[in-house]
Structure formats: structure tokens, C-alpha cells
Amino acid sequence: MTIEPDPRVPSEEPNTLRREFVVGAATIAAVVGTAGGSQAQVQPILRFSNPPGMSSPPTYSHVVEVNGPHRTIYLAGQTGVDPSGKTAEGIRAQAVQVFENIKTALASVGGGFEHIVKLTSYLTNLDEHGAVYREVRASYFPNKAALPASTLLQISRLANPAYLLEVEVIAILPPRT
């Protein structure tokens, strides 16, 4: 007995799932556009960007926007790197640059710190840098009644040995009008 692979189950090839999703989204957009007449406009389901005012990394997007009844924004891990690619010196300067990068990324999709629902923070030395990081972070979240969910981890190192911290963000924004 030979079992044939189910064509509805995506293969394990990394780009296959993304390609199938994009093809499916394009098909849905085409059907909606046809059904709605010539004036129907469909927003893309996903938008990937590296906004002006931030570095342009070759291997990931700073911002991934998901449209639906709300918009879910996923920010890549932000480090203390300025738009020119220079890494800030010291934990305080890097922490400030991280949160300025987050501010820039969120502003590029119409958001702000009030939209952040989850932070995941990675520090290379929690004992030495934790207090300064928490102080800088608190200055960007003045509304203590609406603080995002958060995870803070110590790790052995980051992608660049000069990085002292990295912060990932998930934000929820209202739909575009």
C-alpha cells in the first residue's frame, strides 16, 4: 500500500508556507476585487517594512503589519543601533536607542507605546544592567495602568558582541480607516 502525500498539507520547505500564504492572499484579493467592482480596494494582509529613520538590515524586517479587524504589529528585536548603523556605548545609551527605534517603528504604522501588548527583553548581564534597563523602559511607559505583558531574560550573548540588550515587541492597533 502506498500513501500519497496530501496536497493540502504544506511541505516543510521554509519558503513554501510563505509562498502558499501569499498566493492564497492574492487569490482572495483578486476575488474580492472582482466581486466588489472596479472601486473595491483591498489592503494587503501583510506589510513588511524597514521604515525611514532606522537601519535597513538585510536579513529581517523591523516591522511586520497584519491587517484584519485590528492590526497586529510584530517588531524584530531592536538593539542599540542608530539609523547609521552605529552601536551606542553603554547600557543606558543602548537602552534609550532601543526604545527610540521602537518608537520610530511603531510611528511608521501609526502606533505608539500605548499600543504595545508584549515585550520580550534580552540582556547579556541582568545583574549589572537590569536596573538601568528597567529605569529607561519605565520612562517610555508613563501609563502604569496599561503596561504591556513582559518577559526579561538573561542570555549569554547577542548577534553582535557589542550589543548589551535586544527587545522584541508585539503591538495591537485599530484598523486603518
Foldseek 3Di string as FASTA:
>chain_A
DDDDDDPVDFDPPVCRVVVVVVVVQVVVQVVCCVVVDVPDDDDRQKDFAADPFAADDPPGGQWIWGADQWIKIKGDWFWQAGRVRDHDPDLLSGLLSRQVSVQRRQVVVPHFQLFWAEKEKEFQDCVVRVVSNVVSVCVRVVPPVRHHHYHYYHDNDDPDNRTGMIMITIGIGGHDD
